[in-house]
Structures are given as structure tokens and as C-alpha cells.
């Protein structure tokens, strides 16, 4: 639901509806961006994270939802991570939201520490609108964040999860994982 210019997701059913709505939605409203829609990109990113970090359900879920801001506020490349983080925080908790929020700074960080690292054409374009490569001071501050390493892992999966035609499973298969992460976030919030 959108209230006061901010979107929030309050139930897993509502989140599943948004994730299904990502089919045919793109990171750039004119479809000039990445070669897969937000639905397939989220599934691919989450599947890569499930494979590399099978025990970290929050990281996997962050991969699934990290680009929801493109759906909620089309055309806001610079703010899409913050929009997505704000939307999922009430349901999925602070860590998932923080990882979602950090996936853009992680790109800027990697651009600073690995300048030879290839980006997709769309990621290279949006890097400029998102602030460009971090300065040495910004990179040091980012690296000191307790979630920096997980955010870099999310970013790497984000960059790799753009393969046209790759079958990364079904969105419905993620419902139990979303329910598990949401239950954990609720338990932490009420304890």
C-alpha cells in the first residue's frame, strides 16, 4: 500500500502480489535497461544467493525483493533501493531492508575497489546517477558497515542475475521462505 509517497508491504500475500506484478515490469520504464524483467531478475538473484549462501534466508530474500523500488516508483534509479527497503522493512525486518538499501552503495563500492570490474550497460549508466564510484573515504566507511560483506555478495548476485531465458524457478516457491523471514522479523520486533 502507498501512503504519503511511501509504499509499505504488510503481508506476505501482498508482497507475493507485488513480486508477481514484476513480470513484464522493467528497471527502466522504456525497457532500455537490463535484458530481463524485474520478475526474472529477482528470481535469478535469489537463486544465485540460495546456491552460494543456503543458510542465509534473509540474504536470499533481499535478493528477491531488492529491485521492488523500480516497480513502486518507476524511473527513480537513484532512489529505488531506499524505496524498496522502506517498503519491505515492516514485513521482512531491518536486516533485509538494510541489505536492499545497501545494494546500490555496494555497486559504488565495487566500482571504487575493482574499477576494472565489468558492469552491464544499464548498471554503468545508473552508476553515474547514483553517485559514481565511491571516494576512498566513502569506501572505508562502507567497508566498516557490519552488513558490507553481505551487501557486496548481494550486489554480485544482482549483477549476475540478468540472463535472458534462464529458468530460476517459480515465484510461488519463495512463499515459504518469505513467511519464515517475516515470522522471524515479527518475533524480533515483538520480543
Protein backbone atom coordinates (compact mmCIF):
# COMPACT_ATOMS: atom_id res chain seq x y z
CA UNK A 1 0.00 0.00 0.00
CA UNK A 2 1.24 3.52 -0.80
CA UNK A 3 0.77 6.19 1.84
CA UNK A 4 2.32 9.64 1.90
CA UNK A 5 4.55 8.88 -1.08
CA UNK A 6 5.94 5.78 0.68
CA UNK A 7 4.96 2.23 -0.09
CA UNK A 8 4.81 -0.41 2.62
CA UNK A 9 4.17 -4.12 2.38
CA UNK A 10 2.34 -5.55 5.37
CA UNK A 11 1.68 -9.20 4.48
CA UNK A 12 3.37 -11.99 2.57
CA UNK A 13 0.30 -12.20 0.33
CA UNK A 14 0.68 -8.53 -0.56
CA UNK A 15 4.40 -8.99 -1.21
CA UNK A 16 3.73 -12.02 -3.41
CA UNK A 17 1.29 -9.89 -5.42
CA UNK A 18 3.95 -7.23 -5.94
CA UNK A 19 6.55 -9.82 -6.91
CA UNK A 20 4.15 -11.34 -9.45
CA UNK A 21 3.47 -7.82 -10.77
CA UNK A 22 7.19 -7.58 -11.59
CA UNK A 23 6.55 -9.86 -14.60
CA UNK A 24 6.70 -7.52 -17.56
CA UNK A 25 7.99 -4.61 -15.42
CA UNK A 26 11.46 -3.31 -16.13
CA UNK A 27 14.19 -1.36 -14.34
CA UNK A 28 13.80 1.35 -16.99
CA UNK A 29 10.21 2.24 -17.89
CA UNK A 30 11.14 2.43 -21.59
CA UNK A 31 12.74 -1.07 -21.45
CA UNK A 32 16.14 0.34 -22.37
CA UNK A 33 17.73 -1.15 -19.26
CA UNK A 34 18.64 -4.68 -18.28
CA UNK A 35 17.63 -7.53 -20.60
CA UNK A 36 15.30 -9.33 -18.15
CA UNK A 37 12.20 -8.08 -16.39
CA UNK A 38 12.15 -7.44 -12.64
CA UNK A 39 10.40 -10.77 -12.01
CA UNK A 40 13.08 -12.89 -13.67
CA UNK A 41 15.87 -10.70 -12.28
CA UNK A 42 14.62 -11.13 -8.71
CA UNK A 43 14.26 -14.89 -9.14
CA UNK A 44 17.73 -15.21 -10.66
CA UNK A 45 19.37 -13.08 -7.98
CA UNK A 46 17.66 -15.01 -5.16
CA UNK A 47 18.52 -18.37 -6.75
CA UNK A 48 22.19 -17.42 -7.01
CA UNK A 49 22.19 -16.40 -3.35
CA UNK A 50 20.40 -19.61 -2.33
CA UNK A 51 23.12 -21.59 -4.10
CA UNK A 52 26.06 -19.64 -2.64
CA UNK A 53 24.62 -18.98 0.84
CA UNK A 54 21.98 -21.65 1.52
CA UNK A 55 21.66 -20.90 5.23
CA UNK A 56 21.18 -17.13 4.88
CA UNK A 57 17.46 -16.84 4.12
CA UNK A 58 17.45 -13.08 4.76
CA UNK A 59 20.16 -12.54 2.14
CA UNK A 60 18.23 -14.68 -0.35
CA UNK A 61 15.03 -12.74 0.30
CA UNK A 62 16.90 -9.44 -0.06
CA UNK A 63 17.96 -10.67 -3.50
CA UNK A 64 14.38 -11.48 -4.39
CA UNK A 65 12.99 -8.06 -3.41
CA UNK A 66 15.97 -5.71 -3.94
CA UNK A 67 14.58 -4.00 -7.04
CA UNK A 68 10.94 -3.60 -5.97
CA UNK A 69 11.57 0.15 -5.88
CA UNK A 70 11.63 0.12 -9.70
CA UNK A 71 8.07 -1.24 -9.67
CA UNK A 72 6.82 1.03 -6.89
CA UNK A 73 8.40 4.25 -8.19
CA UNK A 74 9.25 3.77 -11.90
CA UNK A 75 12.09 5.90 -13.22
CA UNK A 76 13.69 6.66 -9.84
CA UNK A 77 17.03 4.88 -10.34
CA UNK A 78 18.79 6.85 -7.63
CA UNK A 79 16.09 6.16 -5.02
CA UNK A 80 14.89 2.69 -5.96
CA UNK A 81 16.88 0.90 -3.24
CA UNK A 82 15.62 3.22 -0.49
CA UNK A 83 12.03 2.85 -1.74
CA UNK A 84 12.28 -0.94 -1.76
CA UNK A 85 13.91 -1.02 1.69
CA UNK A 86 11.21 1.19 3.19
CA UNK A 87 8.50 -0.95 1.61
CA UNK A 88 9.75 -4.30 2.93
CA UNK A 89 11.10 -3.21 6.34
CA UNK A 90 7.77 -3.61 8.23
CA UNK A 91 7.30 -7.16 6.96
CA UNK A 92 10.80 -8.55 6.45
CA UNK A 93 12.73 -6.69 9.12
CA UNK A 94 15.71 -4.43 9.43
CA UNK A 95 18.41 -6.73 8.05
CA UNK A 96 16.61 -7.49 4.78
CA UNK A 97 15.76 -3.80 4.38
CA UNK A 98 19.35 -2.80 5.13
CA UNK A 99 20.74 -5.22 2.55
CA UNK A 100 18.27 -3.94 -0.04
CA UNK A 101 19.26 -0.38 0.80
CA UNK A 102 22.97 -1.21 0.53
CA UNK A 103 22.86 -2.91 -2.88
CA UNK A 104 23.41 0.47 -4.62
CA UNK A 105 26.23 1.63 -2.33
CA UNK A 106 27.76 -1.84 -2.82
CA UNK A 107 27.87 -1.17 -6.59
CA UNK A 108 29.55 2.17 -5.93
CA UNK A 109 31.98 0.45 -3.54
CA UNK A 110 32.88 -2.26 -6.05
CA UNK A 111 33.36 0.40 -8.74
CA UNK A 112 35.92 2.04 -6.44
CA UNK A 113 37.82 -1.05 -5.28
CA UNK A 114 37.55 -3.04 -8.53
CA UNK A 115 37.49 -0.37 -11.25
CA UNK A 116 38.18 -2.98 -13.96
CA UNK A 117 35.04 -4.89 -12.98
CA UNK A 118 32.54 -5.06 -15.85
CA UNK A 119 29.01 -3.74 -15.36
CA UNK A 120 26.02 -4.24 -17.58
CA UNK A 121 25.39 -1.21 -19.80
CA UNK A 122 22.39 -0.21 -17.66
CA UNK A 123 24.34 -0.58 -14.40
CA UNK A 124 27.16 1.54 -15.80
CA UNK A 125 24.66 4.21 -16.80
CA UNK A 126 22.84 4.23 -13.44
CA UNK A 127 26.14 4.22 -11.53
CA UNK A 128 26.59 7.81 -12.64
CA UNK A 129 23.12 8.86 -11.44
CA UNK A 130 23.72 7.02 -8.15
CA UNK A 131 26.87 8.97 -7.31
CA UNK A 132 29.60 7.17 -9.24
CA UNK A 133 32.44 5.21 -7.72
CA UNK A 134 32.95 5.86 -4.03
CA UNK A 135 35.77 8.06 -2.82
CA UNK A 136 38.44 6.44 -0.68
CA UNK A 137 36.72 7.81 2.45
CA UNK A 138 33.28 6.59 1.35
CA UNK A 139 34.69 3.15 0.56
CA UNK A 140 36.30 2.91 4.01
CA UNK A 141 33.03 3.91 5.69
CA UNK A 142 31.10 1.37 3.61
CA UNK A 143 33.58 -1.42 4.40
CA UNK A 144 33.13 -0.70 8.12
CA UNK A 145 29.37 -1.36 7.94
CA UNK A 146 28.54 -4.72 9.59
CA UNK A 147 26.46 -5.68 6.53
CA UNK A 148 29.03 -4.57 3.93
CA UNK A 149 30.21 -8.07 3.00
CA UNK A 150 26.65 -9.39 2.65
CA UNK A 151 25.73 -6.33 0.59
CA UNK A 152 28.67 -7.00 -1.75
CA UNK A 153 27.54 -10.61 -2.12
CA UNK A 154 24.02 -9.38 -2.94
CA UNK A 155 25.46 -6.93 -5.47
CA UNK A 156 27.49 -9.63 -7.18
CA UNK A 157 24.39 -11.83 -7.49
CA UNK A 158 22.44 -8.78 -8.70
CA UNK A 159 25.00 -8.23 -11.47
CA UNK A 160 24.93 -11.91 -12.46
CA UNK A 161 21.14 -12.32 -12.35
CA UNK A 162 20.41 -10.82 -15.77
CA UNK A 163 20.41 -13.83 -18.09
CA UNK A 164 17.70 -13.93 -20.74
CA UNK A 165 15.82 -17.23 -20.77
CA UNK A 166 17.39 -18.66 -17.60
CA UNK A 167 14.88 -20.71 -15.61
CA UNK A 168 15.39 -19.75 -11.96
CA UNK A 169 12.24 -21.40 -10.65
CA UNK A 170 8.79 -20.14 -9.74
CA UNK A 171 7.92 -17.14 -7.59
CA UNK A 172 5.46 -19.22 -5.57
CA UNK A 173 8.35 -21.43 -4.41
CA UNK A 174 9.64 -18.46 -2.41
CA UNK A 175 6.43 -18.04 -0.34
CA UNK A 176 7.59 -20.37 2.50
CA UNK A 177 10.95 -18.57 2.69
CA UNK A 178 9.21 -15.18 2.79
CA UNK A 179 6.89 -16.48 5.53
CA UNK A 180 9.88 -17.75 7.52
CA UNK A 181 11.77 -14.46 7.25
CA UNK A 182 8.63 -12.43 8.03
CA UNK A 183 7.93 -14.58 11.11
CA UNK A 184 11.48 -14.07 12.33
CA UNK A 185 11.24 -10.31 11.79
CA UNK A 186 7.92 -10.23 13.69
CA UNK A 187 9.38 -12.25 16.58
CA UNK A 188 12.35 -9.87 16.86
CA UNK A 189 10.09 -6.82 16.72
CA UNK A 190 7.79 -8.09 19.47
CA UNK A 191 10.38 -9.51 21.86
